[in-house]
C-alpha cells in the first residue's frame, strides 16, 4: 500500500474517532441553536451521541432561566437504516427520526412548566406569570425538507393552571387537542377537566393570526376579580341569565 493511501486511511480513522468522541458540550451547543438560544444545557456528561445534563430554558426572551430537570439523550438507528434521537425529560419521551425526505417526531408525557412555553407565545398574552405544568400527553409531528411548516396532531394537558392575569390562583385542569397542516394552519379544541373556571371552545392559528370562539364560566359570584376580567374579554351569555353574569362568550378577534 502506498504512503498516500496509508495517509488517507489514517486521516479517515482520525475523523471517525473524532466523530464518535465529540463531547457532550457540543450537543448542548446544538440544542441551544435549535431553540434560538432560548435553552441551554448545564453539567453535561457523556458524549455528543449519548449523555445527560440539566436543561434550562428562558421563561421569556431576556428573562430568567427555568430549570426543567435532567435531560437524557441517546442517538441510534431505527430499523437499522433510519437515524434516531431520543430525549428523556421528567419521565417524558421525545423521539426524532431523520429520513431522506424529511423528519418526524413522536412524543409522550413530555412535561414542562407552563411559563417555559406560554411566555414565548405572544398574541397579546402576558409574557410572565403563568403557572402549572403543560404535558404533551401524546402527539406526532412531521416535516418534509421541501415543506415550510410541520404537520401533525396531539393532545396537551395544562394541570393546575394559573395566570397573574387572574390573580395567580389555580383555575383548573384543561385539555387541548390540536392538529396542524403543512399549509401553516393549526386548529384546536379546548375543554375543562375540573376547576373553578370552565373554559370550552375551538380556535385556530393561521399565518400567525390567532382566533378563538368559546365560553368561560365561573363557579360562583364571589369571584369578583375573575368576573371583572372576563367582562373585559367577553360578553355575558344570554342563554344563562343570572345576575351577576357567571358565563361569558369569548371571541377573538372581537
Protein backbone atom coordinates (compact mmCIF):
# COMPACT_ATOMS: atom_id res chain seq x y z
CA UNK A 1 0.00 0.00 0.00
CA UNK A 2 1.37 3.43 -0.95
CA UNK A 3 2.19 6.19 1.53
CA UNK A 4 -0.68 8.24 0.10
CA UNK A 5 -3.25 5.50 0.75
CA UNK A 6 -1.89 4.90 4.25
CA UNK A 7 -2.11 8.61 4.99
CA UNK A 8 -5.67 8.76 3.66
CA UNK A 9 -6.71 5.75 5.76
CA UNK A 10 -5.11 7.27 8.85
CA UNK A 11 -6.95 10.57 8.29
CA UNK A 12 -10.24 8.71 7.80
CA UNK A 13 -9.73 6.81 11.08
CA UNK A 14 -8.99 10.08 12.87
CA UNK A 15 -12.20 11.63 11.53
CA UNK A 16 -14.25 8.59 12.62
CA UNK A 17 -12.69 8.69 16.10
CA UNK A 18 -13.36 12.41 16.32
CA UNK A 19 -17.00 11.95 15.35
CA UNK A 20 -17.55 9.16 17.87
CA UNK A 21 -15.84 11.08 20.68
CA UNK A 22 -17.42 14.51 20.30
CA UNK A 23 -18.09 15.98 23.79
CA UNK A 24 -21.50 16.41 25.40
CA UNK A 25 -20.93 20.17 25.46
CA UNK A 26 -21.19 20.15 21.66
CA UNK A 27 -24.67 18.60 21.94
CA UNK A 28 -25.53 21.47 24.30
CA UNK A 29 -24.44 23.96 21.63
CA UNK A 30 -26.54 22.15 19.04
CA UNK A 31 -29.56 22.19 21.38
CA UNK A 32 -29.14 25.90 22.10
CA UNK A 33 -29.06 26.77 18.40
CA UNK A 34 -32.10 24.57 17.75
CA UNK A 35 -34.24 26.61 20.16
CA UNK A 36 -33.00 30.05 19.04
CA UNK A 37 -30.66 30.48 22.03
CA UNK A 38 -33.56 30.20 24.47
CA UNK A 39 -32.31 27.00 26.15
CA UNK A 40 -29.01 25.70 27.46
CA UNK A 41 -27.52 22.53 28.88
CA UNK A 42 -25.54 22.55 32.14
CA UNK A 43 -23.44 19.91 33.92
CA UNK A 44 -23.30 17.81 30.75
CA UNK A 45 -21.82 14.29 30.91
CA UNK A 46 -21.18 11.64 28.28
CA UNK A 47 -20.72 12.48 24.62
CA UNK A 48 -22.46 14.10 21.69
CA UNK A 49 -24.29 10.90 20.73
CA UNK A 50 -25.31 9.80 24.23
CA UNK A 51 -25.27 11.68 27.52
CA UNK A 52 -27.18 13.72 30.07
CA UNK A 53 -27.31 17.16 31.60
CA UNK A 54 -29.57 19.72 33.28
CA UNK A 55 -31.82 21.53 30.82
CA UNK A 56 -32.64 25.22 31.30
CA UNK A 57 -34.99 27.37 29.23
CA UNK A 58 -35.76 31.10 29.32
CA UNK A 59 -39.09 31.95 30.91
CA UNK A 60 -39.37 34.60 28.17
CA UNK A 61 -36.98 36.37 25.84
CA UNK A 62 -34.42 38.12 28.01
CA UNK A 63 -35.97 36.63 31.17
CA UNK A 64 -34.57 34.36 33.85
CA UNK A 65 -33.66 30.73 33.29
CA UNK A 66 -36.05 27.94 34.35
CA UNK A 67 -34.68 24.56 35.45
CA UNK A 68 -36.57 21.85 33.54
CA UNK A 69 -34.68 18.97 35.14
CA UNK A 70 -32.39 16.21 33.95
CA UNK A 71 -32.30 15.57 30.21
CA UNK A 72 -31.00 12.26 28.83
CA UNK A 73 -30.29 11.86 25.14
CA UNK A 74 -29.36 8.85 23.07
CA UNK A 75 -28.87 8.56 19.32
CA UNK A 76 -29.13 5.35 17.35
CA UNK A 77 -30.82 3.68 14.41
CA UNK A 78 -34.41 2.65 13.79
CA UNK A 79 -34.90 -0.49 11.67
CA UNK A 80 -31.18 -0.41 11.04
CA UNK A 81 -31.30 2.43 8.49
CA UNK A 82 -33.07 5.48 9.98
CA UNK A 83 -31.12 7.83 12.31
CA UNK A 84 -32.95 8.40 15.59
CA UNK A 85 -32.52 10.74 18.54
CA UNK A 86 -34.33 10.02 21.82
CA UNK A 87 -34.78 12.60 24.58
CA UNK A 88 -35.99 11.71 28.09
CA UNK A 89 -37.12 14.52 30.41
CA UNK A 90 -39.09 14.16 33.67
CA UNK A 91 -40.49 10.78 32.65
CA UNK A 92 -41.49 12.01 29.19
CA UNK A 93 -40.13 10.87 25.85
CA UNK A 94 -39.43 12.67 22.58
CA UNK A 95 -38.07 10.66 19.64
CA UNK A 96 -36.99 12.26 16.38
CA UNK A 97 -36.32 10.33 13.15
CA UNK A 98 -34.45 11.69 10.14
CA UNK A 99 -35.03 10.31 6.65
CA UNK A 100 -34.09 11.27 3.09
CA UNK A 101 -37.43 13.06 2.64
CA UNK A 102 -37.66 14.89 5.97
CA UNK A 103 -38.05 14.31 9.70
CA UNK A 104 -40.75 13.17 12.09
CA UNK A 105 -41.12 13.33 15.86
CA UNK A 106 -43.20 11.38 18.38
CA UNK A 107 -43.69 12.46 21.98
CA UNK A 108 -45.49 11.15 25.04
CA UNK A 109 -45.90 12.61 28.55
CA UNK A 110 -43.38 15.35 27.82
CA UNK A 111 -43.88 17.94 30.61
CA UNK A 112 -42.56 21.48 31.06
CA UNK A 113 -43.64 24.45 33.24
CA UNK A 114 -46.36 26.48 31.52
CA UNK A 115 -44.22 29.62 31.77
CA UNK A 116 -41.48 27.99 29.65
CA UNK A 117 -43.84 27.89 26.65
CA UNK A 118 -46.58 30.48 27.19
CA UNK A 119 -44.03 33.20 27.90
CA UNK A 120 -42.99 32.97 24.24
CA UNK A 121 -46.41 32.73 22.56
CA UNK A 122 -47.20 36.41 22.07
CA UNK A 123 -50.63 37.20 20.51
CA UNK A 124 -51.16 39.82 23.28
CA UNK A 125 -50.77 37.17 26.02
CA UNK A 126 -48.73 38.14 29.12
CA UNK A 127 -45.03 37.24 28.91
CA UNK A 128 -44.80 36.30 32.60
CA UNK A 129 -46.96 34.99 35.43
CA UNK A 130 -48.04 31.61 34.01
CA UNK A 131 -48.34 28.71 36.46
CA UNK A 132 -48.90 24.97 36.30
CA UNK A 133 -47.46 22.24 34.09
CA UNK A 134 -48.00 21.61 30.38
CA UNK A 135 -47.94 17.92 29.46
CA UNK A 136 -47.78 16.79 25.84
CA UNK A 137 -49.59 13.53 26.57
CA UNK A 138 -49.18 12.19 23.06
CA UNK A 139 -48.57 13.53 19.59
CA UNK A 140 -46.70 13.42 16.31
CA UNK A 141 -45.05 15.97 14.04
CA UNK A 142 -43.54 15.55 10.59
CA UNK A 143 -41.96 17.82 8.01
CA UNK A 144 -40.63 17.29 4.51
CA UNK A 145 -37.38 19.03 3.68
CA UNK A 146 -39.19 20.87 0.88
CA UNK A 147 -42.05 21.97 3.12
CA UNK A 148 -42.35 25.23 5.04
CA UNK A 149 -44.11 24.10 8.22
CA UNK A 150 -44.54 20.75 10.01
CA UNK A 151 -47.86 18.93 10.22
CA UNK A 152 -49.16 16.70 12.98
CA UNK A 153 -51.59 16.23 15.83
CA UNK A 154 -51.56 15.73 19.57
CA UNK A 155 -53.05 16.36 22.98
CA UNK A 156 -51.81 18.75 25.67
CA UNK A 157 -52.90 18.99 29.32
CA UNK A 158 -52.47 22.14 31.38
CA UNK A 159 -52.58 20.98 35.00
CA UNK A 160 -53.05 23.37 37.95
CA UNK A 161 -53.28 26.23 35.51
CA UNK A 162 -52.86 29.76 36.80
CA UNK A 163 -52.04 33.20 35.46
CA UNK A 164 -51.10 36.52 37.00
CA UNK A 165 -53.87 37.97 34.82
CA UNK A 166 -56.32 36.02 37.03
CA UNK A 167 -54.73 36.80 40.41
CA UNK A 168 -52.33 33.80 40.14
CA UNK A 169 -54.96 31.48 41.61
CA UNK A 170 -55.26 27.88 40.46
CA UNK A 171 -58.02 27.93 37.86
CA UNK A 172 -58.26 24.25 36.99
CA UNK A 173 -57.04 21.48 34.69
CA UNK A 174 -57.54 21.78 30.94
CA UNK A 175 -57.18 19.64 27.82
CA UNK A 176 -56.30 20.87 24.36
CA UNK A 177 -56.45 18.72 21.21
CA UNK A 178 -54.60 20.19 18.24
CA UNK A 179 -53.94 19.42 14.60
CA UNK A 180 -51.64 21.29 12.24
CA UNK A 181 -51.22 21.14 8.46
CA UNK A 182 -48.30 21.76 6.14
CA UNK A 183 -50.22 24.82 4.90
CA UNK A 184 -49.32 26.55 8.16
CA UNK A 185 -52.70 26.22 9.88
CA UNK A 186 -53.27 24.84 13.37
CA UNK A 187 -56.74 24.02 14.72
CA UNK A 188 -57.50 23.18 18.34
CA UNK A 189 -60.33 22.43 20.76
CA UNK A 190 -60.25 23.34 24.45
CA UNK A 191 -62.05 21.50 27.27
CA UNK A 192 -62.06 21.71 31.06
CA UNK A 193 -61.43 18.65 33.20
CA UNK A 194 -62.02 20.34 36.57
CA UNK A 195 -61.69 23.70 38.25
CA UNK A 196 -63.27 26.97 39.33
CA UNK A 197 -63.10 28.36 35.77
CA UNK A 198 -64.69 26.31 32.99
CA UNK A 199 -63.27 27.03 29.53
CA UNK A 200 -64.54 25.41 26.33
CA UNK A 201 -64.20 26.32 22.68
CA UNK A 202 -62.42 25.95 19.37
CA UNK A 203 -59.75 28.03 17.74
CA UNK A 204 -57.05 28.23 15.12
CA UNK A 205 -53.79 29.89 14.20
CA UNK A 206 -53.49 30.82 10.52
CA UNK A 207 -50.34 32.52 9.28
CA UNK A 208 -49.65 33.84 12.76
CA UNK A 209 -53.21 35.13 13.33
CA UNK A 210 -54.96 33.69 16.41
CA UNK A 211 -58.73 33.18 16.56
CA UNK A 212 -60.97 31.62 19.23
CA UNK A 213 -64.68 31.07 19.77
CA UNK A 214 -65.87 29.66 23.10
CA UNK A 215 -67.10 30.42 26.59
CA UNK A 216 -65.93 30.82 30.17
CA UNK A 217 -67.97 30.07 33.27
CA UNK A 218 -67.12 30.86 36.90
CA UNK A 219 -68.30 28.69 39.80
CA UNK A 220 -69.81 31.42 41.98
CA UNK A 221 -70.50 35.14 42.15
CA UNK A 222 -67.90 35.71 44.88
CA UNK A 223 -65.11 35.55 42.27
CA UNK A 224 -65.45 39.27 41.61
CA UNK A 225 -61.92 39.85 40.24
CA UNK A 226 -62.20 36.95 37.83
CA UNK A 227 -65.68 38.04 36.68
CA UNK A 228 -64.44 41.58 36.13
CA UNK A 229 -61.61 40.34 33.92
CA UNK A 230 -63.95 38.09 31.92
CA UNK A 231 -66.27 41.04 31.37
CA UNK A 232 -63.35 42.81 29.64
CA UNK A 233 -62.60 39.81 27.41
CA UNK A 234 -66.13 38.71 26.51
CA UNK A 235 -69.86 39.37 26.84
CA UNK A 236 -72.50 37.75 29.09
CA UNK A 237 -74.12 34.62 27.67
CA UNK A 238 -77.82 35.50 27.10
CA UNK A 239 -78.78 31.82 27.41
CA UNK A 240 -77.51 31.80 31.02
CA UNK A 241 -79.45 34.72 32.62
CA UNK A 242 -78.16 35.16 36.15
CA UNK A 243 -77.11 38.30 37.99
CA UNK A 244 -74.21 38.92 38.12
CA UNK A 245 -73.38 37.02 34.90
CA UNK A 246 -71.33 33.87 35.55
CA UNK A 247 -70.89 32.71 31.94
CA UNK A 248 -69.27 34.79 29.22
CA UNK A 249 -68.94 34.25 25.48
CA UNK A 250 -65.38 34.66 24.25
CA UNK A 251 -64.45 35.55 20.69
CA UNK A 252 -61.13 36.63 19.21
CA UNK A 253 -60.74 38.70 17.18
CA UNK A 254 -63.64 40.67 18.62
